[in-house]
Protein backbone atom coordinates (compact mmCIF):
# COMPACT_ATOMS: atom_id res chain seq x y z
CA MET A 1 76.02 128.17 101.84
CA SER A 2 73.80 126.56 104.16
CA SER A 3 71.17 126.18 101.30
CA LEU A 4 73.64 125.57 98.50
CA PRO A 5 74.04 121.97 97.93
CA PRO A 6 77.75 120.84 97.90
CA VAL A 7 77.99 119.61 94.18
CA VAL A 8 77.40 123.12 92.95
CA ILE A 9 80.50 124.28 94.54
CA MET A 10 82.35 121.67 93.14
CA LEU A 11 80.83 121.95 89.78
CA ILE A 12 81.37 125.82 89.46
CA ALA A 13 85.05 125.34 90.35
CA ALA A 14 85.07 122.39 87.64
CA ALA A 15 83.92 125.33 85.08
CA LEU A 16 86.57 127.88 86.31
CA VAL A 17 89.38 125.43 86.19
CA ALA A 18 88.39 124.72 82.35
CA LEU A 19 88.19 128.31 81.71
CA ILE A 20 91.08 129.90 83.87
CA PRO A 21 94.38 129.56 81.92
CA ASN A 22 96.47 130.73 85.21
CA LEU A 23 97.94 127.57 86.39
CA ASN A 24 98.63 128.50 89.84
CA THR A 25 94.90 129.96 90.30
CA ARG A 26 93.84 126.50 88.85
CA ARG A 27 95.54 124.99 91.46
CA LEU A 28 94.15 126.84 93.89
CA ILE A 29 90.62 126.04 93.09
CA THR A 30 91.52 122.44 92.89
CA ILE A 31 92.04 122.26 96.54
CA GLY A 32 90.11 124.93 97.65
CA ALA A 33 86.82 123.73 96.51
CA PRO A 34 86.84 120.75 98.26
CA LEU A 35 87.95 122.29 101.32
CA LEU A 36 85.45 124.84 100.99
CA VAL A 37 82.84 121.61 100.75
CA LEU A 38 84.25 119.86 103.51
CA GLY A 39 83.93 123.15 106.00
CA GLN A 40 80.32 123.36 104.75
CA LEU A 41 79.68 119.82 105.79
CA PHE A 42 81.58 120.02 109.19
CA TRP A 43 80.19 123.25 110.19
CA VAL A 44 76.87 124.25 108.07
CA LEU A 45 75.37 121.25 107.28
CA ASP A 46 73.69 119.32 109.97
CA ASP A 47 71.74 115.44 110.01
CA GLY A 48 68.23 116.60 108.58
CA SER A 49 69.30 119.35 106.40
CA SER A 50 67.51 119.37 102.69
CA TRP A 51 67.36 122.00 99.91
CA ASN A 52 63.98 121.55 97.32
CA LEU A 53 62.67 122.57 94.36
CA THR A 54 60.19 121.78 91.63
CA TRP A 55 60.64 121.17 88.18
CA LEU A 56 57.73 119.65 85.53
CA SER A 57 55.70 119.39 88.76
CA LEU A 58 57.99 117.11 90.59
CA GLU A 59 59.24 117.61 93.46
CA LEU A 60 63.12 117.08 93.61
CA GLU A 61 65.43 117.14 96.61
CA PRO A 62 69.16 117.73 95.26
CA LEU A 63 70.42 117.95 98.98
CA HIS A 64 69.08 115.19 101.38
CA VAL A 65 71.52 114.92 104.50
CA ASP A 66 71.53 112.52 107.17
CA ARG A 67 74.53 110.82 109.05
CA LEU A 68 74.94 108.10 106.39
CA SER A 69 75.54 110.16 103.65
CA LEU A 70 77.75 112.89 105.93
CA VAL A 71 79.99 110.07 106.41
CA PHE A 72 80.54 109.39 102.67
CA GLY A 73 80.82 113.67 101.73
CA TYR A 74 83.32 113.62 104.45
CA VAL A 75 85.59 111.27 102.71
CA PHE A 76 85.11 111.94 99.50
CA ALA A 77 85.76 115.72 99.77
CA ILE A 78 89.25 114.44 101.37
CA ALA A 79 89.87 112.59 98.53
CA ALA A 80 89.23 115.19 96.46
CA THR A 81 91.84 117.30 98.29
CA LEU A 82 94.00 114.65 98.33
CA GLY A 83 94.27 113.98 94.57
CA GLY A 84 94.25 118.16 94.10
CA ILE A 85 97.54 118.57 96.14
CA TYR A 86 98.99 115.18 94.32
CA ALA A 87 98.13 116.33 90.98
CA TRP A 88 99.73 119.89 91.98
CA HIS A 89 102.41 119.18 89.13
CA LEU A 90 99.68 118.51 86.38
CA ASN A 91 99.20 121.53 83.89
CA ASP A 92 96.33 120.27 82.19
CA ARG A 93 93.07 122.34 82.84
CA PHE A 94 90.73 119.79 81.23
CA GLN A 95 92.16 116.93 83.32
CA GLN A 96 91.80 118.99 86.59
CA SER A 97 88.43 120.28 85.38
CA ALA A 98 87.40 116.68 84.84
CA ALA A 99 88.78 115.52 87.82
CA LEU A 100 86.78 118.21 89.97
CA GLY A 101 83.63 117.39 87.96
CA TYR A 102 84.28 113.70 89.14
CA ALA A 103 84.46 114.08 92.63
CA GLY A 104 82.07 116.59 92.64
CA THR A 105 79.04 114.14 91.03
CA SER A 106 80.12 111.78 93.33
CA ILE A 107 79.02 113.96 95.97
CA GLY A 108 76.17 115.34 94.33
CA VAL A 109 75.00 111.29 94.07
CA VAL A 110 75.49 111.26 98.07
CA PHE A 111 73.43 113.82 98.83
CA ALA A 112 70.79 113.29 96.20
CA GLY A 113 67.21 112.65 98.06
CA ASP A 114 65.28 111.44 94.86
CA LEU A 115 66.09 109.35 91.94
CA LEU A 116 65.87 111.74 89.34
CA THR A 117 68.79 113.78 91.03
CA LEU A 118 70.63 110.54 91.55
CA ILE A 119 70.35 109.42 87.89
CA LEU A 120 71.37 112.83 86.49
CA PHE A 121 74.73 112.93 88.77
CA TRP A 122 75.25 109.32 88.09
CA GLU A 123 75.49 109.81 84.33
CA LEU A 124 77.76 112.66 84.51
CA MET A 125 79.85 110.92 87.12
CA ALA A 126 80.42 108.25 84.33
CA LEU A 127 81.23 111.08 81.69
CA THR A 128 83.81 113.02 83.66
CA SER A 129 85.89 109.71 85.12
CA ALA A 130 85.96 108.85 81.27
CA TYR A 131 87.63 111.55 80.45
CA LEU A 132 90.28 110.93 82.98
CA ILE A 133 90.74 107.55 81.51
CA TRP A 134 91.13 109.09 77.87
CA ALA A 135 93.44 111.49 79.26
CA GLY A 136 96.06 108.75 80.58
CA GLY A 137 98.15 109.09 78.06
CA PHE A 138 98.94 105.22 77.45
CA PRO A 139 98.56 103.20 74.31
CA GLN A 140 95.60 101.68 75.49
CA SER A 141 93.90 104.64 77.00
CA LYS A 142 91.53 105.69 74.50
CA ALA A 143 90.49 102.47 74.02
CA ALA A 144 90.14 101.49 77.58
CA GLY A 145 88.20 104.38 78.11
CA THR A 146 85.52 103.98 75.59
CA ARG A 147 85.05 100.60 76.68
CA TYR A 148 84.73 101.84 80.39
CA LEU A 149 81.99 104.33 79.24
CA TYR A 150 80.05 101.95 76.95
CA VAL A 151 79.81 99.85 79.88
CA HIS A 152 78.59 102.64 82.20
CA MET A 153 76.17 103.75 79.40
CA VAL A 154 74.71 100.30 80.09
CA GLY A 155 74.45 100.44 83.79
CA GLY A 156 72.77 103.96 83.54
CA SER A 157 70.10 102.57 81.14
CA VAL A 158 69.64 99.49 83.27
CA LEU A 159 69.45 102.20 86.44
CA LEU A 160 66.95 104.54 84.27
CA ALA A 161 64.85 101.86 83.41
CA GLY A 162 64.50 100.68 86.34
CA ILE A 163 63.63 104.11 87.76
CA LEU A 164 60.74 104.74 85.12
CA LEU A 165 59.17 101.11 85.80
CA HIS A 166 59.04 101.99 89.95
CA LEU A 167 57.45 105.80 88.91
CA GLY A 168 55.43 104.03 86.41
CA ALA A 169 54.15 101.46 89.12
CA GLY A 170 53.20 103.92 91.32
CA GLY A 171 56.69 104.42 93.97
CA SER A 172 57.83 107.38 95.07
CA LEU A 173 60.50 109.72 93.71
CA ASP A 174 62.46 109.42 97.04
CA PHE A 175 65.30 107.38 97.09
CA THR A 176 64.52 105.06 100.00
CA ILE A 177 64.80 101.19 100.11
CA PHE A 178 63.64 98.82 97.21
CA GLU A 179 61.65 96.08 97.22
CA GLY A 180 62.18 92.98 95.23
CA SER A 181 60.08 94.18 92.32
CA ILE A 182 61.36 93.85 88.36
CA ALA A 183 62.63 97.93 88.84
CA GLY A 184 64.11 97.17 92.07
CA TRP A 185 65.74 94.20 90.68
CA LEU A 186 66.61 96.76 87.52
CA ILE A 187 68.00 99.38 89.62
CA LEU A 188 70.17 96.92 91.32
CA GLY A 189 71.84 95.92 88.63
CA GLY A 190 72.40 99.48 87.64
CA PHE A 191 74.21 99.69 90.77
CA ALA A 192 75.92 96.17 90.64
CA ILE A 193 77.88 97.43 87.34
CA ASN A 194 79.51 100.67 89.14
CA ALA A 195 79.84 98.43 92.36
CA ALA A 196 82.00 95.83 90.14
CA ILE A 197 80.13 93.15 91.39
CA VAL A 198 81.36 89.81 89.81
CA PRO A 199 80.52 89.21 86.72
CA LEU A 200 79.98 92.95 86.35
CA HIS A 201 83.58 94.02 87.49
CA ALA A 202 86.08 93.44 84.62
CA TRP A 203 85.76 97.25 83.52
CA LEU A 204 87.06 98.35 86.69
CA SER A 205 90.69 96.49 86.36
CA ASP A 206 90.61 97.12 82.54
CA ALA A 207 90.19 101.24 83.00
CA TYR A 208 91.76 102.35 86.08
CA PRO A 209 95.34 101.02 85.13
CA GLU A 210 95.15 103.23 81.73
CA ALA A 211 94.43 106.24 82.93
CA GLY A 212 96.61 108.93 83.92
CA ILE A 213 99.33 108.58 87.32
CA THR A 214 96.96 111.48 89.11
CA GLY A 215 93.66 110.40 87.16
CA SER A 216 93.85 106.75 88.68
CA VAL A 217 94.11 108.46 92.35
CA PHE A 218 90.73 110.20 91.95
CA LEU A 219 89.48 106.95 90.07
CA SER A 220 90.28 104.69 92.95
CA ALA A 221 87.99 106.82 95.52
CA PHE A 222 84.92 107.53 93.90
CA THR A 223 83.01 105.26 91.53
CA THR A 224 82.83 101.94 93.18
CA ARG A 225 82.08 104.08 96.74
CA THR A 226 79.43 105.86 95.56
CA ALA A 227 77.89 102.49 94.68
CA VAL A 228 78.44 101.06 98.26
CA TYR A 229 76.67 104.19 99.44
CA VAL A 230 73.48 103.35 97.06
CA LEU A 231 73.40 99.98 97.95
CA ALA A 232 73.38 100.78 101.79
CA ARG A 233 70.70 103.26 100.85
CA GLY A 234 68.39 101.36 98.83
CA PHE A 235 69.08 97.56 99.30
CA ALA A 236 70.71 97.31 102.85
CA GLY A 237 69.40 93.31 104.08
CA TRP A 238 69.21 91.89 101.03
CA GLU A 239 70.99 88.59 101.48
CA LEU A 240 71.64 88.18 98.08
CA LEU A 241 74.46 90.76 98.41
CA ILE A 242 75.90 88.58 101.03
CA PHE A 243 77.09 85.70 98.89
CA LEU A 244 78.39 88.65 95.78
CA GLY A 245 80.08 90.51 98.30
CA VAL A 246 82.10 87.29 99.56
CA ILE A 247 82.78 86.17 95.79
CA MET A 248 83.79 89.53 95.26
CA ALA A 249 86.36 89.49 98.16
CA LEU A 250 88.17 86.12 97.17
CA TYR A 251 87.61 86.92 93.39
CA GLY A 252 89.83 90.25 93.54
CA VAL A 253 92.28 88.49 95.27
CA VAL A 254 92.93 85.48 92.81
CA PHE A 255 93.11 87.90 90.43
CA ALA A 256 95.88 89.69 91.80
CA VAL A 257 98.06 87.18 91.52
CA LEU A 258 98.18 86.72 88.00
CA GLU A 259 99.03 90.06 87.67
CA ASN A 260 102.22 92.06 86.33
CA ASP A 261 100.59 95.46 85.99
CA ILE A 262 101.38 96.92 89.61
CA ARG A 263 98.05 99.29 89.00
CA ARG A 264 96.12 96.40 87.52
CA LEU A 265 97.27 94.74 90.36
CA LEU A 266 95.80 97.12 92.69
CA ALA A 267 92.48 97.75 90.96
CA TYR A 268 91.75 93.72 91.77
CA HIS A 269 92.25 94.94 95.35
CA ILE A 270 89.77 97.29 95.21
CA ILE A 271 86.90 94.64 93.79
CA SER A 272 88.14 92.48 96.71
CA GLN A 273 88.03 95.18 99.50
CA VAL A 274 84.52 96.51 97.94
CA GLY A 275 83.61 92.94 98.67
CA TYR A 276 83.88 93.40 102.09
CA MET A 277 81.30 96.43 102.43
CA VAL A 278 78.61 94.75 99.88
CA THR A 279 78.85 91.83 102.32
CA ALA A 280 78.05 93.88 105.12
CA VAL A 281 75.10 95.82 103.05
CA GLY A 282 73.52 92.66 103.01
CA ILE A 283 73.58 91.65 106.51
CA GLY A 284 71.99 94.90 107.11
CA THR A 285 72.11 94.92 110.58
CA GLU A 286 73.19 98.09 111.88
CA VAL A 287 76.67 97.14 112.88
CA ALA A 288 76.90 95.64 109.25
CA LEU A 289 76.12 99.34 107.76
CA ASN A 290 78.58 101.02 110.17
CA GLY A 291 81.10 98.50 108.87
CA ALA A 292 80.53 98.92 105.24
CA ALA A 293 80.36 103.05 106.11
CA SER A 294 83.65 102.65 108.14
CA HIS A 295 85.66 100.50 105.92
CA ALA A 296 84.78 102.49 102.55
CA PHE A 297 86.08 105.55 104.54
CA ALA A 298 89.18 104.24 105.49
CA HIS A 299 89.38 102.13 101.98
CA VAL A 300 89.20 105.46 100.07
CA ILE A 301 92.50 107.02 102.29
CA TYR A 302 94.35 103.89 102.13
CA LYS A 303 93.57 102.61 98.53
CA GLY A 304 94.54 106.38 97.17
CA LEU A 305 98.10 106.06 98.92
CA LEU A 306 98.55 102.86 97.34
CA PHE A 307 97.62 104.50 94.08
CA MET A 308 99.43 107.19 94.71
CA GLY A 309 102.99 105.17 95.87
CA ALA A 310 102.77 102.86 92.52
CA GLY A 311 102.01 106.18 90.61
CA ALA A 312 105.07 107.72 92.10
CA ALA A 313 106.97 104.76 90.93
CA ILE A 314 105.88 105.02 87.47
CA TYR A 315 106.17 108.58 86.94
CA ALA A 316 110.04 108.56 88.44
CA THR A 317 110.90 105.18 86.70
CA GLY A 318 108.46 105.46 83.55
CA ARG A 319 107.82 101.83 84.00
CA ARG A 320 104.35 100.09 85.37
CA THR A 321 105.34 96.34 85.81
CA LEU A 322 106.56 94.19 88.34
CA THR A 323 108.90 92.53 86.08
CA ALA A 324 110.48 95.84 84.49
CA LEU A 325 110.79 97.27 88.20
CA GLY A 326 113.12 96.19 91.32
CA GLY A 327 115.89 97.57 93.30
CA ILE A 328 115.44 101.19 93.53
CA SER A 329 114.33 101.50 97.17
CA ASP A 330 117.41 103.31 98.31
CA ARG A 331 116.63 106.17 95.35
CA MET A 332 112.61 106.63 96.60
CA ARG A 333 113.08 105.89 100.29
CA THR A 334 110.47 108.10 101.14
CA VAL A 335 107.79 107.10 98.69
CA VAL A 336 108.30 103.50 100.14
CA ILE A 337 107.65 104.47 103.59
CA LEU A 338 104.68 106.18 102.81
CA TYR A 339 103.13 103.33 100.79
CA MET A 340 104.24 100.61 103.30
CA VAL A 341 101.51 102.74 105.47
CA GLY A 342 98.76 102.40 103.33
CA ALA A 343 99.99 98.44 102.71
CA PHE A 344 99.89 97.87 106.35
CA ALA A 345 96.05 99.78 106.67
CA ILE A 346 94.63 97.33 103.81
CA SER A 347 96.06 94.23 105.47
CA ALA A 348 94.75 95.38 108.71
CA PHE A 349 97.24 95.65 110.92
CA PRO A 350 96.71 96.99 114.35
CA LEU A 351 97.10 100.77 114.54
CA PHE A 352 96.38 101.06 111.28
CA SER A 353 93.15 102.13 109.57
CA GLY A 354 92.15 99.03 108.25
CA PHE A 355 91.98 97.39 111.61
CA VAL A 356 88.97 99.32 112.55
CA SER A 357 87.29 99.22 109.91
CA LYS A 358 87.74 95.62 108.14
CA SER A 359 87.10 94.02 111.38
CA MET A 360 83.75 95.91 112.13
CA VAL A 361 82.59 94.06 109.04
CA ILE A 362 83.40 90.36 110.19
CA PHE A 363 82.18 91.32 113.64
CA ALA A 364 79.11 91.97 111.95
CA ALA A 365 79.49 88.35 110.39
CA GLU A 366 79.87 86.58 113.51
CA GLU A 367 77.29 88.94 115.23
CA GLU A 368 74.90 86.88 112.95
CA HIS A 369 76.52 83.25 113.02
CA MET A 370 77.45 83.40 109.41
CA SER A 371 80.55 81.54 110.43
CA TRP A 372 81.49 80.24 106.91
CA VAL A 373 81.55 84.14 105.94
CA VAL A 374 83.82 85.12 108.44
CA ALA A 375 86.26 82.28 107.39
CA LEU A 376 86.49 83.40 103.62
CA LEU A 377 86.70 87.19 104.64
CA TYR A 378 89.71 86.26 106.70
CA LEU A 379 91.00 84.18 103.98
CA ALA A 380 90.52 87.23 101.86
CA SER A 381 92.54 89.33 104.26
CA VAL A 382 95.83 86.80 103.64
CA GLY A 383 95.99 87.10 100.05
CA THR A 384 95.56 91.17 100.74
CA PHE A 385 98.22 91.09 102.87
CA LEU A 386 100.37 88.64 100.52
CA HIS A 387 100.06 90.55 97.57
CA THR A 388 99.35 94.18 98.48
CA GLY A 389 101.54 94.65 101.76
CA LEU A 390 104.36 91.98 100.50
CA LYS A 391 104.56 90.76 96.67
CA LEU A 392 103.87 94.74 95.31
CA PRO A 393 106.49 96.46 97.75
CA TYR A 394 109.01 94.02 97.34
CA PHE A 395 109.11 93.60 93.34
CA ILE A 396 108.68 97.25 92.81
CA TRP A 397 111.48 98.59 94.95
CA PHE A 398 113.33 95.84 96.92
CA GLY A 399 115.80 93.09 95.38
CA PRO A 400 119.46 93.74 93.83
CA ARG A 401 120.13 97.36 93.03
CA ARG A 402 119.02 97.63 89.50
CA ASP A 403 121.34 100.84 87.51
CA ASP A 404 119.62 100.19 84.79
CA ILE A 405 116.60 101.89 85.71
CA LYS A 406 116.99 105.85 85.34
CA VAL A 407 114.72 107.34 88.92
CA ASN A 408 113.79 110.73 88.28
CA PRO A 409 112.86 112.85 91.17
CA VAL A 410 109.03 112.88 92.24
CA PRO A 411 106.90 116.31 92.42
CA ARG A 412 106.57 117.40 95.80
CA GLY A 413 103.10 117.59 95.72
CA MET A 414 102.95 113.87 95.55
CA ILE A 415 104.85 113.35 98.56
CA ILE A 416 102.85 115.49 100.44
CA ALA A 417 99.35 114.26 99.38
CA MET A 418 101.09 110.70 100.83
CA PHE A 419 102.04 112.15 103.57
CA PHE A 420 98.41 113.57 104.60
CA ALA A 421 97.09 110.19 103.15
CA ALA A 422 99.52 108.25 105.44
CA ALA A 423 98.64 110.11 108.71
CA LEU A 424 94.80 109.62 108.11
CA CYS A 425 95.56 106.28 108.08
CA VAL A 426 97.82 106.12 111.26
CA GLY A 427 95.32 108.56 112.99
CA ILE A 428 92.22 106.52 112.07
CA GLY A 429 94.10 103.34 113.31
CA VAL A 430 95.06 104.79 116.63
CA TYR A 431 92.34 106.57 117.25
CA PRO A 432 89.18 105.00 115.72
CA ARG A 433 86.77 107.21 118.35
CA ALA A 434 87.17 109.96 115.22
CA LEU A 435 85.54 107.67 112.86
CA TYR A 436 82.94 105.79 114.92
CA ASP A 437 81.45 108.74 116.04
CA VAL A 438 80.34 109.96 112.52
CA LEU A 439 78.86 106.70 111.44
CA PRO A 440 75.24 106.19 111.00
CA TYR A 441 74.25 104.49 114.15
CA ALA A 442 75.31 104.22 117.36
CA ASN A 443 78.36 101.90 117.68
CA HIS A 444 79.40 99.44 120.58
CA TYR A 445 82.38 97.23 118.61
CA GLU A 446 85.60 97.36 120.43
CA PRO A 447 88.27 96.60 117.79
CA TYR A 448 91.75 96.74 120.16
CA THR A 449 91.03 93.33 122.62
CA SER A 450 93.52 91.09 123.02
CA ASP A 451 92.30 88.02 121.45
CA HIS A 452 91.70 90.08 118.02
CA ILE A 453 95.30 91.61 118.40
CA VAL A 454 96.95 88.35 118.90
CA SER A 455 94.49 86.43 116.05
CA THR A 456 95.48 89.15 113.56
CA LEU A 457 99.12 89.42 114.39
CA GLN A 458 99.30 85.31 113.97
CA MET A 459 97.76 85.53 110.54
CA LEU A 460 100.03 88.44 109.11
CA GLY A 461 102.88 86.72 110.37
CA PHE A 462 102.32 83.43 109.14
CA THR A 463 101.61 85.09 106.11
CA ALA A 464 104.70 87.23 106.16
CA ILE A 465 106.91 83.75 106.54
CA GLY A 466 105.15 82.04 103.48
CA ALA A 467 105.44 85.04 101.31
CA TRP A 468 109.27 85.08 102.32
CA LEU A 469 109.70 81.26 101.42
CA LEU A 470 108.10 81.35 98.31
CA ARG A 471 109.14 84.86 96.92
CA HIS A 472 110.42 83.53 93.76
CA LYS A 473 107.25 82.02 93.36
CA LEU A 474 105.26 85.53 93.35
CA LYS A 475 107.27 87.16 91.23
CA GLY A 476 105.03 89.02 88.24
CA GLU A 477 105.04 87.44 84.53
CA SER A 478 104.28 89.10 81.28
CA SER A 479 101.12 87.76 80.50
CA VAL A 480 97.70 88.42 79.68
CA THR A 481 94.76 87.85 82.31
CA LEU A 482 91.73 86.71 80.84
CA ASP A 483 88.67 88.07 82.45
CA THR A 484 84.90 89.03 81.89
CA ASP A 485 85.80 91.52 79.74
CA TRP A 486 86.80 89.05 77.02
CA PHE A 487 83.20 88.98 76.18
CA TYR A 488 82.57 92.63 75.37
CA ARG A 489 85.52 92.41 73.95
CA LYS A 490 84.79 89.73 71.50
CA ALA A 491 81.55 91.31 71.22
CA GLN A 492 82.79 94.85 70.02
CA THR A 493 83.25 94.04 66.43
CA PRO A 494 79.85 92.37 65.83
CA VAL A 495 78.32 95.02 67.49
CA ARG A 496 80.05 97.60 65.39
CA VAL A 497 79.21 95.86 62.60
CA LEU A 498 75.67 94.47 63.07
CA ILE A 499 74.53 97.73 64.99
CA GLN A 500 76.40 100.62 65.00
CA HIS A 501 77.43 100.90 61.61
CA PRO A 502 73.74 100.73 60.51
CA LEU A 503 72.49 103.04 62.82
CA GLU A 504 75.22 105.64 61.85
CA GLN A 505 74.36 105.41 58.08
CA PHE A 506 70.63 105.97 59.40
CA PHE A 507 71.14 108.74 60.70
CA THR A 508 74.12 110.38 58.72
CA PHE A 509 71.41 109.83 55.58
CA PHE A 510 68.92 112.13 57.23
CA GLU A 511 71.28 114.16 58.44
CA ARG A 512 72.59 114.70 55.36
CA LEU A 513 68.48 114.79 53.80
CA VAL A 514 68.09 117.75 56.47
CA HIS A 515 70.90 119.66 55.48
CA PHE A 516 69.91 119.54 51.59
CA THR A 517 66.41 120.33 52.64
CA ALA A 518 67.57 123.69 54.73
CA ARG A 519 70.16 124.41 51.86
CA LYS A 520 67.55 124.39 49.63
CA LEU A 521 65.03 126.03 51.31
CA SER A 522 67.43 128.78 52.78
CA LEU A 523 68.23 129.63 49.09
CA LEU A 524 64.46 129.93 48.15
CA ALA A 525 64.27 132.17 51.33
CA MET A 526 66.74 134.76 49.88
CA VAL A 527 65.19 137.62 47.73
CA PRO A 528 66.76 137.72 44.70
CA THR A 529 68.15 134.16 44.81
CA SER A 530 69.36 131.77 42.46
CA GLY A 531 66.98 129.40 44.15
CA TRP A 532 63.85 131.19 43.04
CA ALA A 533 65.70 132.52 39.88
CA GLY A 534 65.84 128.54 38.59
CA ILE A 535 62.39 127.70 39.70
CA LEU A 536 61.12 130.95 37.73
CA LYS A 537 63.52 129.70 34.81
CA ARG A 538 62.38 126.15 34.94
CA ILE A 539 58.18 127.65 34.66
CA GLY A 540 59.63 129.62 31.61
CA TYR A 541 58.29 133.10 33.80
CA ALA A 542 62.05 134.70 33.04
CA GLN A 543 61.85 133.47 29.69
CA ARG A 544 58.33 135.20 28.78
CA ASN A 545 58.91 138.46 30.49
CA GLY A 546 62.76 138.76 31.02
CA ASN A 547 65.08 138.21 33.87
CA GLU A 548 64.70 141.98 35.51
CA ALA A 549 60.90 141.12 35.53
CA ALA A 550 61.99 138.00 37.37
CA LEU A 551 63.76 139.60 40.04
CA ALA A 552 61.33 142.28 40.55
CA PHE A 553 58.49 139.74 41.03
CA LEU A 554 60.91 138.23 43.57
CA SER A 555 61.81 141.28 45.28
CA ARG A 556 58.03 142.53 45.49
CA PRO A 557 55.82 139.78 44.81
CA PRO A 558 51.85 140.81 44.23
CA ILE A 559 49.51 141.18 47.32
CA GLY A 560 47.24 138.03 46.40
CA ILE A 561 50.42 135.77 46.40
CA VAL A 562 51.30 137.00 49.59
CA ILE A 563 48.15 136.74 51.08
CA ALA A 564 47.66 133.16 49.77
CA ALA A 565 51.10 132.03 50.83
CA ILE A 566 49.65 133.27 54.68
CA LEU A 567 46.70 131.47 54.93
CA PHE A 568 48.40 128.34 52.94
CA THR A 569 50.49 128.39 56.00
CA PHE A 570 47.38 128.97 58.39
CA SER A 571 45.77 125.97 56.97
CA ILE A 572 48.61 123.83 57.35
CA ILE A 573 48.89 124.92 61.06
CA PHE A 574 45.11 124.74 61.78
CA LEU A 575 45.18 120.73 60.21
CA ILE A 576 48.12 120.10 61.87
CA GLY A 577 46.15 121.10 65.38
CA ALA A 578 43.13 119.47 64.40
CA LEU A 579 44.84 116.07 63.73
CA THR A 580 46.75 116.18 66.81
């Protein structure tokens, strides 16, 4: 295993799951493959491990291991394992295969040491994740998955253009820090789409709520976090990212206020939380990059837990909006308790994982005397607790009992996965050293100071009081929120009419022409055939000499004609060679 990239294990497992009909075997592979990768990362691969190959005279490095890639590899393998447990009840081998492939290609991106390997897994990541949206089973799943794929195809094209310009200008194939050239800006643009940087973010809140209950758990873990990783690898210290990250942190919170769909609300909070990570990458110091990595690690776990809780509510009731839910807490006690662990974690309560990761980002801004960044990130934290920690659980589960809502039993696998995720949220919060010890740089940050604890509890306490007083104003409303996806939704028809349809007609014409030509040539190649017979008939051969003579001529043509045909063929080949 030491020389085998982890992505290979995951892709082999994905292929096996797609081919094996037995459900129990597929379940074991779905959980066993990421556990095997996790073991490989912990006990086999070390900082400095690599695997190289030569392809078309290019030196590629599909496996490049350092401390930054390891911390993302750890959490991706954990997330894939938890997702497999959560989806234990799922009997859809293609969705199981896509989930493994999605997790595997995300791990492939993290350990890619060169740009060609990166773009390969980047595009495969988009394809496999799009399938999870298409397989969602909701009325808008197909359309949302198609829009998602279009956006990521554009992002991949921009990224590829930047890579090719970078290589054409004499840049290295190695994946390292980029400069502010045209190529660098294009590569940044490709990464920014996957990071859901505002205003390139709307694909996330559009698509994630339309994925399946299990698919959305996988989606919440990988795409944006791989983008954080590549930004940290290639663009650390770019000050523009500080401004963009702060905008993301606030933008996601504001739009969460307007949401009625419970998973769309959580999707907007992904944008907000990734904003903290992007801000940290922009600050670019060692403590800031540690903050980005630690918050990415913690966020993958607790955001997955939140999507698991929301998915359990949808699975049990068949309802997905705040206005359609409420009053069912007594029938889903375990789910509520486990969800609240994730809610406390994302809200940065002491003794939960968000407290020890999010605060490191803010501490990095304080060290660089960026008081405006500190203030705005604290403001975003208030909004996070208000909506994810208070509004969402209250209107999903609490309130007057509603006997009109039928609550079905939740599969045991869902509960087990939520339990393990909740245990990690608490474990990291209680013993942050376990996370800090695997960060890219030596850590000197201490989260549990009296000032930090008191100020955090004061902020959260006042937020809770305000939310209780205004609880009737926070209830969701059945409405449609306009976001930047409006532009490409409106552009869909003109693009289809002006670009897609003409291209389809153009290629369809040539496809039919090729099929027609091939069909006619195949008729001419068969002996005897109606094709040659038709030609001979047209030139009068069969009329002059009879049909039997014509067929004999076709079966055994004179040697002179054969030689002439051979010479003609060689002449054509020689002419083509001379011209090229």
